[in-house]
C-alpha atoms as a PDB file:
ATOM      1  CA  UNK A   1     -44.679 -73.634  36.621  1.00  0.00           C
ATOM      2  CA  UNK A   2     -46.221 -72.425  33.365  1.00  0.00           C
ATOM      3  CA  UNK A   3     -43.875 -72.458  30.415  1.00  0.00           C
ATOM      4  CA  UNK A   4     -44.231 -71.165  26.897  1.00  0.00           C
ATOM      5  CA  UNK A   5     -45.998 -73.606  24.602  1.00  0.00           C
ATOM      6  CA  UNK A   6     -44.490 -74.247  21.164  1.00  0.00           C
ATOM      7  CA  UNK A   7     -47.769 -73.499  19.419  1.00  0.00           C
ATOM      8  CA  UNK A   8     -51.430 -72.995  20.226  1.00  0.00           C
ATOM      9  CA  UNK A   9     -54.423 -71.507  18.461  1.00  0.00           C
ATOM     10  CA  UNK A  10     -56.372 -68.777  20.281  1.00  0.00           C
ATOM     11  CA  UNK A  11     -59.400 -69.626  18.121  1.00  0.00           C
ATOM     12  CA  UNK A  12     -59.849 -72.833  20.110  1.00  0.00           C
ATOM     13  CA  UNK A  13     -60.976 -70.675  23.025  1.00  0.00           C
ATOM     14  CA  UNK A  14     -64.610 -69.633  22.570  1.00  0.00           C
ATOM     15  CA  UNK A  15     -64.214 -66.064  23.838  1.00  0.00           C
ATOM     16  CA  UNK A  16     -61.133 -65.345  21.739  1.00  0.00           C
ATOM     17  CA  UNK A  17     -62.755 -66.986  18.713  1.00  0.00           C
ATOM     18  CA  UNK A  18     -65.736 -64.635  19.129  1.00  0.00           C
ATOM     19  CA  UNK A  19     -63.523 -61.554  18.766  1.00  0.00           C
ATOM     20  CA  UNK A  20     -62.496 -59.983  15.483  1.00  0.00           C
ATOM     21  CA  UNK A  21     -58.710 -59.999  15.584  1.00  0.00           C
ATOM     22  CA  UNK A  22     -58.553 -56.779  13.554  1.00  0.00           C
ATOM     23  CA  UNK A  23     -60.581 -54.984  16.250  1.00  0.00           C
ATOM     24  CA  UNK A  24     -58.314 -56.133  19.082  1.00  0.00           C
ATOM     25  CA  UNK A  25     -54.715 -56.012  17.800  1.00  0.00           C
ATOM     26  CA  UNK A  26     -53.317 -55.308  21.270  1.00  0.00           C
ATOM     27  CA  UNK A  27     -54.907 -58.452  22.659  1.00  0.00           C
ATOM     28  CA  UNK A  28     -53.959 -60.881  19.913  1.00  0.00           C
ATOM     29  CA  UNK A  29     -50.430 -59.520  19.563  1.00  0.00           C
ATOM     30  CA  UNK A  30     -49.769 -59.976  23.294  1.00  0.00           C
ATOM     31  CA  UNK A  31     -51.353 -63.378  23.871  1.00  0.00           C
ATOM     32  CA  UNK A  32     -48.747 -65.839  25.102  1.00  0.00           C
ATOM     33  CA  UNK A  33     -49.298 -69.598  24.678  1.00  0.00           C
ATOM     34  CA  UNK A  34     -48.343 -71.519  27.818  1.00  0.00           C
ATOM     35  CA  UNK A  35     -48.274 -75.192  28.770  1.00  0.00           C
ATOM     36  CA  UNK A  36     -49.628 -76.027  32.211  1.00  0.00           C
ATOM     37  CA  UNK A  37     -49.159 -79.100  34.388  1.00  0.00           C
ATOM     38  CA  UNK A  38     -51.924 -80.822  36.334  1.00  0.00           C
ATOM     39  CA  UNK A  39     -52.128 -79.486  39.880  1.00  0.00           C
ATOM     40  CA  UNK A  40     -50.291 -76.264  39.055  1.00  0.00           C
ATOM     41  CA  UNK A  41     -51.558 -73.342  41.127  1.00  0.00           C
ATOM     42  CA  UNK A  42     -52.480 -70.344  38.965  1.00  0.00           C
ATOM     43  CA  UNK A  43     -53.788 -68.103  41.734  1.00  0.00           C
ATOM     44  CA  UNK A  44     -53.858 -68.413  45.487  1.00  0.00           C
ATOM     45  CA  UNK A  45     -56.865 -66.964  47.293  1.00  0.00           C
ATOM     46  CA  UNK A  46     -56.414 -63.225  47.914  1.00  0.00           C
ATOM     47  CA  UNK A  47     -53.339 -63.122  45.677  1.00  0.00           C
ATOM     48  CA  UNK A  48     -52.761 -60.554  42.890  1.00  0.00           C
ATOM     49  CA  UNK A  49     -53.849 -61.577  39.395  1.00  0.00           C
ATOM     50  CA  UNK A  50     -51.122 -60.433  37.011  1.00  0.00           C
ATOM     51  CA  UNK A  51     -52.470 -62.469  34.096  1.00  0.00           C
ATOM     52  CA  UNK A  52     -55.732 -63.805  32.765  1.00  0.00           C
ATOM     53  CA  UNK A  53     -55.799 -67.226  31.126  1.00  0.00           C
ATOM     54  CA  UNK A  54     -57.895 -68.316  28.160  1.00  0.00           C
ATOM     55  CA  UNK A  55     -57.929 -72.151  28.269  1.00  0.00           C
ATOM     56  CA  UNK A  56     -57.351 -73.979  25.005  1.00  0.00           C
ATOM     57  CA  UNK A  57     -56.890 -77.624  26.008  1.00  0.00           C
ATOM     58  CA  UNK A  58     -56.269 -77.155  29.742  1.00  0.00           C
ATOM     59  CA  UNK A  59     -59.121 -77.213  32.255  1.00  0.00           C
ATOM     60  CA  UNK A  60     -58.927 -75.107  35.419  1.00  0.00           C
ATOM     61  CA  UNK A  61     -60.713 -75.533  38.730  1.00  0.00           C
ATOM     62  CA  UNK A  62     -61.751 -72.694  41.035  1.00  0.00           C
ATOM     63  CA  UNK A  63     -61.537 -73.992  44.603  1.00  0.00           C
ATOM     64  CA  UNK A  64     -63.002 -72.498  47.749  1.00  0.00           C
ATOM     65  CA  UNK A  65     -61.066 -73.488  50.880  1.00  0.00           C
ATOM     66  CA  UNK A  66     -62.173 -73.573  54.502  1.00  0.00           C
ATOM     67  CA  UNK A  67     -60.017 -72.881  57.565  1.00  0.00           C
ATOM     68  CA  UNK A  68     -60.007 -76.592  58.431  1.00  0.00           C
ATOM     69  CA  UNK A  69     -58.421 -77.407  55.069  1.00  0.00           C
ATOM     70  CA  UNK A  70     -61.506 -78.719  53.309  1.00  0.00           C
ATOM     71  CA  UNK A  71     -62.069 -77.560  49.754  1.00  0.00           C
ATOM     72  CA  UNK A  72     -64.832 -77.679  47.178  1.00  0.00           C
ATOM     73  CA  UNK A  73     -64.913 -76.679  43.541  1.00  0.00           C
ATOM     74  CA  UNK A  74     -66.755 -73.459  42.812  1.00  0.00           C
ATOM     75  CA  UNK A  75     -66.658 -74.311  39.134  1.00  0.00           C
ATOM     76  CA  UNK A  76     -64.480 -75.541  36.260  1.00  0.00           C
ATOM     77  CA  UNK A  77     -63.214 -73.329  33.450  1.00  0.00           C
ATOM     78  CA  UNK A  78     -62.372 -74.751  30.048  1.00  0.00           C
ATOM     79  CA  UNK A  79     -62.238 -73.563  26.472  1.00  0.00           C
ATOM     80  CA  UNK A  80     -65.541 -71.688  26.861  1.00  0.00           C
ATOM     81  CA  UNK A  81     -64.145 -68.977  29.109  1.00  0.00           C
ATOM     82  CA  UNK A  82     -61.272 -67.394  30.946  1.00  0.00           C
ATOM     83  CA  UNK A  83     -59.597 -67.515  34.333  1.00  0.00           C
ATOM     84  CA  UNK A  84     -59.281 -64.140  36.035  1.00  0.00           C
ATOM     85  CA  UNK A  85     -62.754 -62.816  35.315  1.00  0.00           C
ATOM     86  CA  UNK A  86     -62.612 -60.669  38.470  1.00  0.00           C
ATOM     87  CA  UNK A  87     -60.172 -58.387  36.648  1.00  0.00           C
ATOM     88  CA  UNK A  88     -62.969 -57.530  34.216  1.00  0.00           C
ATOM     89  CA  UNK A  89     -65.233 -56.883  37.212  1.00  0.00           C
ATOM     90  CA  UNK A  90     -62.753 -54.426  38.739  1.00  0.00           C
ATOM     91  CA  UNK A  91     -60.883 -56.607  41.251  1.00  0.00           C
ATOM     92  CA  UNK A  92     -57.126 -57.131  41.344  1.00  0.00           C
ATOM     93  CA  UNK A  93     -56.979 -60.203  43.582  1.00  0.00           C
ATOM     94  CA  UNK A  94     -58.393 -63.700  43.278  1.00  0.00           C
ATOM     95  CA  UNK A  95     -61.268 -64.702  45.541  1.00  0.00           C
ATOM     96  CA  UNK A  96     -60.484 -68.419  45.263  1.00  0.00           C
ATOM     97  CA  UNK A  97     -57.545 -70.669  44.655  1.00  0.00           C
ATOM     98  CA  UNK A  98     -57.340 -71.695  41.000  1.00  0.00           C
ATOM     99  CA  UNK A  99     -55.494 -74.842  39.938  1.00  0.00           C
ATOM    100  CA  UNK A 100     -54.957 -76.702  36.687  1.00  0.00           C
ATOM    101  CA  UNK A 101     -57.243 -79.724  36.770  1.00  0.00           C
ATOM    102  CA  UNK A 102     -56.420 -81.117  33.338  1.00  0.00           C
ATOM    103  CA  UNK A 103     -52.959 -80.427  31.956  1.00  0.00           C
ATOM    104  CA  UNK A 104     -52.804 -78.640  28.630  1.00  0.00           C
ATOM    105  CA  UNK A 105     -52.396 -75.307  26.928  1.00  0.00           C
ATOM    106  CA  UNK A 106     -53.841 -71.870  27.501  1.00  0.00           C
ATOM    107  CA  UNK A 107     -53.335 -68.376  26.153  1.00  0.00           C
ATOM    108  CA  UNK A 108     -52.045 -65.954  28.780  1.00  0.00           C
ATOM    109  CA  UNK A 109     -52.588 -62.188  28.714  1.00  0.00           C
ATOM    110  CA  UNK A 110     -51.421 -59.472  31.075  1.00  0.00           C
ATOM    111  CA  UNK A 111     -54.266 -58.144  33.205  1.00  0.00           C
ATOM    112  CA  UNK A 112     -53.447 -54.568  32.228  1.00  0.00           C
ATOM    113  CA  UNK A 113     -53.935 -55.404  28.537  1.00  0.00           C
ATOM    114  CA  UNK A 114     -57.381 -56.880  29.196  1.00  0.00           C
ATOM    115  CA  UNK A 115     -58.406 -53.832  31.220  1.00  0.00           C
ATOM    116  CA  UNK A 116     -57.326 -51.489  28.432  1.00  0.00           C
ATOM    117  CA  UNK A 117     -59.135 -53.526  25.776  1.00  0.00           C
ATOM    118  CA  UNK A 118     -62.371 -53.603  27.759  1.00  0.00           C
ATOM    119  CA  UNK A 119     -62.221 -49.842  28.287  1.00  0.00           C
ATOM    120  CA  UNK A 120     -61.603 -49.170  24.601  1.00  0.00           C
ATOM    121  CA  UNK A 121     -64.065 -51.594  23.000  1.00  0.00           C
ATOM    122  CA  UNK A 122     -67.620 -52.406  24.027  1.00  0.00           C
ATOM    123  CA  UNK A 123     -67.786 -55.663  22.099  1.00  0.00           C
ATOM    124  CA  UNK A 124     -65.476 -57.558  24.399  1.00  0.00           C
ATOM    125  CA  UNK A 125     -67.437 -56.362  27.418  1.00  0.00           C
ATOM    126  CA  UNK A 126     -70.572 -57.865  25.858  1.00  0.00           C
ATOM    127  CA  UNK A 127     -68.875 -61.259  25.599  1.00  0.00           C
ATOM    128  CA  UNK A 128     -67.507 -61.128  29.139  1.00  0.00           C
ATOM    129  CA  UNK A 129     -70.843 -60.027  30.616  1.00  0.00           C
ATOM    130  CA  UNK A 130     -72.521 -63.002  28.961  1.00  0.00           C
ATOM    131  CA  UNK A 131     -69.814 -65.319  30.253  1.00  0.00           C
ATOM    132  CA  UNK A 132     -70.242 -63.845  33.749  1.00  0.00           C
ATOM    133  CA  UNK A 133     -73.967 -64.611  33.624  1.00  0.00           C
ATOM    134  CA  UNK A 134     -73.273 -68.218  32.685  1.00  0.00           C
ATOM    135  CA  UNK A 135     -70.607 -68.569  35.380  1.00  0.00           C
ATOM    136  CA  UNK A 136     -72.947 -67.244  38.073  1.00  0.00           C
ATOM    137  CA  UNK A 137     -75.635 -69.721  37.024  1.00  0.00           C
ATOM    138  CA  UNK A 138     -73.109 -72.561  37.064  1.00  0.00           C
ATOM    139  CA  UNK A 139     -71.697 -71.732  40.506  1.00  0.00           C
ATOM    140  CA  UNK A 140     -75.188 -71.402  41.990  1.00  0.00           C
ATOM    141  CA  UNK A 141     -76.140 -74.803  40.611  1.00  0.00           C
ATOM    142  CA  UNK A 142     -72.849 -76.297  41.806  1.00  0.00           C
ATOM    143  CA  UNK A 143     -73.522 -75.101  45.347  1.00  0.00           C
ATOM    144  CA  UNK A 144     -76.970 -76.686  45.338  1.00  0.00           C
ATOM    145  CA  UNK A 145     -75.604 -79.909  43.867  1.00  0.00           C
ATOM    146  CA  UNK A 146     -72.885 -80.211  46.513  1.00  0.00           C
ATOM    147  CA  UNK A 147     -75.495 -79.863  49.236  1.00  0.00           C
ATOM    148  CA  UNK A 148     -78.369 -81.936  47.878  1.00  0.00           C
ATOM    149  CA  UNK A 149     -76.981 -84.737  45.723  1.00  0.00           C
ATOM    150  CA  UNK A 150     -75.080 -87.921  46.439  1.00  0.00           C
ATOM    151  CA  UNK A 151     -71.398 -88.497  45.767  1.00  0.00           C
ATOM    152  CA  UNK A 152     -72.372 -90.847  42.917  1.00  0.00           C
ATOM    153  CA  UNK A 153     -74.518 -88.171  41.269  1.00  0.00           C
ATOM    154  CA  UNK A 154     -71.865 -85.493  41.716  1.00  0.00           C
ATOM    155  CA  UNK A 155     -69.125 -87.730  40.342  1.00  0.00           C
ATOM    156  CA  UNK A 156     -71.224 -88.642  37.304  1.00  0.00           C
ATOM    157  CA  UNK A 157     -71.944 -84.950  36.669  1.00  0.00           C
ATOM    158  CA  UNK A 158     -68.282 -84.058  37.008  1.00  0.00           C
ATOM    159  CA  UNK A 159     -67.132 -86.852  34.689  1.00  0.00           C
ATOM    160  CA  UNK A 160     -69.639 -85.790  32.032  1.00  0.00           C
ATOM    161  CA  UNK A 161     -68.454 -82.187  32.268  1.00  0.00           C
ATOM    162  CA  UNK A 162     -64.808 -83.222  31.901  1.00  0.00           C
ATOM    163  CA  UNK A 163     -65.754 -85.470  28.985  1.00  0.00           C
ATOM    164  CA  UNK A 164     -67.296 -82.459  27.245  1.00  0.00           C
ATOM    165  CA  UNK A 165     -64.011 -80.607  27.702  1.00  0.00           C
ATOM    166  CA  UNK A 166     -61.365 -83.187  26.864  1.00  0.00           C
ATOM    167  CA  UNK A 167     -62.983 -86.401  25.639  1.00  0.00           C
ATOM    168  CA  UNK A 168     -63.603 -89.825  27.121  1.00  0.00           C
ATOM    169  CA  UNK A 169     -60.173 -90.473  28.644  1.00  0.00           C
ATOM    170  CA  UNK A 170     -59.189 -88.416  31.686  1.00  0.00           C
ATOM    171  CA  UNK A 171     -55.819 -88.254  33.402  1.00  0.00           C
ATOM    172  CA  UNK A 172     -56.951 -87.618  36.968  1.00  0.00           C
ATOM    173  CA  UNK A 173     -56.618 -89.223  40.393  1.00  0.00           C
ATOM    174  CA  UNK A 174     -59.342 -90.046  42.897  1.00  0.00           C
ATOM    175  CA  UNK A 175     -57.576 -87.713  45.327  1.00  0.00           C
ATOM    176  CA  UNK A 176     -57.889 -84.755  42.966  1.00  0.00           C
ATOM    177  CA  UNK A 177     -61.554 -85.553  42.284  1.00  0.00           C
ATOM    178  CA  UNK A 178     -62.218 -85.703  46.037  1.00  0.00           C
ATOM    179  CA  UNK A 179     -60.536 -82.320  46.462  1.00  0.00           C
ATOM    180  CA  UNK A 180     -62.752 -80.919  43.727  1.00  0.00           C
ATOM    181  CA  UNK A 181     -66.038 -82.337  44.984  1.00  0.00           C
ATOM    182  CA  UNK A 182     -65.277 -81.658  48.634  1.00  0.00           C
ATOM    183  CA  UNK A 183     -65.858 -85.276  49.637  1.00  0.00           C
ATOM    184  CA  UNK A 184     -63.748 -88.064  51.133  1.00  0.00           C
ATOM    185  CA  UNK A 185     -61.352 -89.853  48.812  1.00  0.00           C
ATOM    186  CA  UNK A 186     -62.839 -93.148  49.994  1.00  0.00           C
ATOM    187  CA  UNK A 187     -66.250 -91.923  48.850  1.00  0.00           C
ATOM    188  CA  UNK A 188     -64.907 -91.197  45.366  1.00  0.00           C
ATOM    189  CA  UNK A 189     -63.211 -94.598  45.188  1.00  0.00           C
ATOM    190  CA  UNK A 190     -66.400 -96.352  46.288  1.00  0.00           C
ATOM    191  CA  UNK A 191     -68.500 -94.495  43.707  1.00  0.00           C
ATOM    192  CA  UNK A 192     -65.930 -95.084  40.952  1.00  0.00           C
ATOM    193  CA  UNK A 193     -65.784 -98.779  41.792  1.00  0.00           C
ATOM    194  CA  UNK A 194     -69.564 -98.945  41.492  1.00  0.00           C
ATOM    195  CA  UNK A 195     -69.386 -97.225  38.110  1.00  0.00           C
ATOM    196  CA  UNK A 196     -66.754 -99.713  36.945  1.00  0.00           C
ATOM    197  CA  UNK A 197     -68.787-102.677  38.141  1.00  0.00           C
ATOM    198  CA  UNK A 198     -71.778-101.203  36.314  1.00  0.00           C
ATOM    199  CA  UNK A 199     -69.795-100.967  33.085  1.00  0.00           C
ATOM    200  CA  UNK A 200     -69.883 -97.185  32.673  1.00  0.00           C
ATOM    201  CA  UNK A 201     -66.178 -96.488  33.283  1.00  0.00           C
ATOM    202  CA  UNK A 202     -62.844 -98.245  33.397  1.00  0.00           C
ATOM    203  CA  UNK A 203     -59.993 -96.932  35.457  1.00  0.00           C
ATOM    204  CA  UNK A 204     -56.428 -97.568  36.431  1.00  0.00           C
ATOM    205  CA  UNK A 205     -54.296 -95.445  38.683  1.00  0.00           C
ATOM    206  CA  UNK A 206     -54.363 -91.862  37.440  1.00  0.00           C
ATOM    207  CA  UNK A 207     -56.654 -92.523  34.456  1.00  0.00           C
ATOM    208  CA  UNK A 208     -60.398 -92.873  33.922  1.00  0.00           C
ATOM    209  CA  UNK A 209     -61.969 -94.068  30.669  1.00  0.00           C
ATOM    210  CA  UNK A 210     -65.662 -93.364  30.072  1.00  0.00           C
ATOM    211  CA  UNK A 211     -67.125 -96.340  28.213  1.00  0.00           C
ATOM    212  CA  UNK A 212     -70.864 -95.719  28.609  1.00  0.00           C
ATOM    213  CA  UNK A 213     -71.706 -92.029  28.502  1.00  0.00           C
ATOM    214  CA  UNK A 214     -75.437 -92.712  28.468  1.00  0.00           C
ATOM    215  CA  UNK A 215     -75.063 -94.753  31.628  1.00  0.00           C
ATOM    216  CA  UNK A 216     -73.356 -91.812  33.337  1.00  0.00           C
ATOM    217  CA  UNK A 217     -76.142 -89.496  32.211  1.00  0.00           C
ATOM    218  CA  UNK A 218     -78.671 -91.788  33.890  1.00  0.00           C
ATOM    219  CA  UNK A 219     -76.706 -91.700  37.159  1.00  0.00           C
ATOM    220  CA  UNK A 220     -76.033 -87.959  37.121  1.00  0.00           C
ATOM    221  CA  UNK A 221     -78.407 -85.503  38.769  1.00  0.00           C
ATOM    222  CA  UNK A 222     -80.430 -82.932  36.835  1.00  0.00           C
ATOM    223  CA  UNK A 223     -77.647 -80.389  37.391  1.00  0.00           C
ATOM    224  CA  UNK A 224     -75.655 -81.679  34.421  1.00  0.00           C
ATOM    225  CA  UNK A 225     -78.280 -81.008  31.700  1.00  0.00           C
ATOM    226  CA  UNK A 226     -79.210 -77.686  33.323  1.00  0.00           C
ATOM    227  CA  UNK A 227     -75.622 -76.416  33.255  1.00  0.00           C
ATOM    228  CA  UNK A 228     -74.956 -77.892  29.809  1.00  0.00           C
ATOM    229  CA  UNK A 229     -77.947 -75.954  28.493  1.00  0.00           C
ATOM    230  CA  UNK A 230     -76.367 -72.770  29.869  1.00  0.00           C
ATOM    231  CA  UNK A 231     -73.106 -73.626  28.118  1.00  0.00           C
ATOM    232  CA  UNK A 232     -74.935 -74.218  24.840  1.00  0.00           C
ATOM    233  CA  UNK A 233     -76.686 -70.854  25.145  1.00  0.00           C
ATOM    234  CA  UNK A 234     -73.338 -69.205  25.865  1.00  0.00           C
ATOM    235  CA  UNK A 235     -71.769 -70.722  22.758  1.00  0.00           C
ATOM    236  CA  UNK A 236     -74.672 -69.475  20.651  1.00  0.00           C
ATOM    237  CA  UNK A 237     -74.438 -65.979  22.140  1.00  0.00           C
ATOM    238  CA  UNK A 238     -70.680 -65.789  21.644  1.00  0.00           C
ATOM    239  CA  UNK A 239     -71.143 -66.544  17.968  1.00  0.00           C
ATOM    240  CA  UNK A 240     -73.221 -63.378  17.529  1.00  0.00           C
ATOM    241  CA  UNK A 241     -71.379 -60.299  16.170  1.00  0.00           C
ATOM    242  CA  UNK A 242     -70.020 -57.845  18.730  1.00  0.00           C
ATOM    243  CA  UNK A 243     -71.217 -54.279  18.768  1.00  0.00           C
ATOM    244  CA  UNK A 244     -67.655 -53.096  18.269  1.00  0.00           C
END
């Protein structure tokens, strides 16, 4: 369960950092720092969204589940965005299950406060529209990648994305990666073993260390640079002044 974090800076989240605090006193005064554990469920599919979450050091995963129990990641959310974007789009329930993939901190805000801020100020809407565009591009690419590329390519892409979020050492199990990629755990273990034998990663139970990022980039499919380019464009756009 989420619990209040002792301290956290909202400016480490790209969307919050792009806002002028003086223009949004109701948002910044009601942000609540929370610490989140790996595997914690933030939303269940079709459940009400009482809060939105702005990741600071935590990384979230949006998971789409099938009736037979299989899952696949729709997309990750880190310090570039927020969890609960459907509230901005007018929905009150989550389409997908959302879990904490990498433990860490986030800033939590009541959904009603976000709705009021968006209605009152156009500048925040600009930022969220741009983030929505990036998220749509990412999820479309993720769907194509899951269908067309090998487990090795998908794993390399995923590891590079996580490295961009949290650095070269990841606290994550093969089981959780398999859940995310929608593949067999044995397939993840086989791919990871190949990466280790090739000298691009080291791992022990529950931890992966990236030792050759360039080697991972060679293995990864073209989806990684395409999505990273979208992220870079988003960061540049968020740095532009809001219209108010």
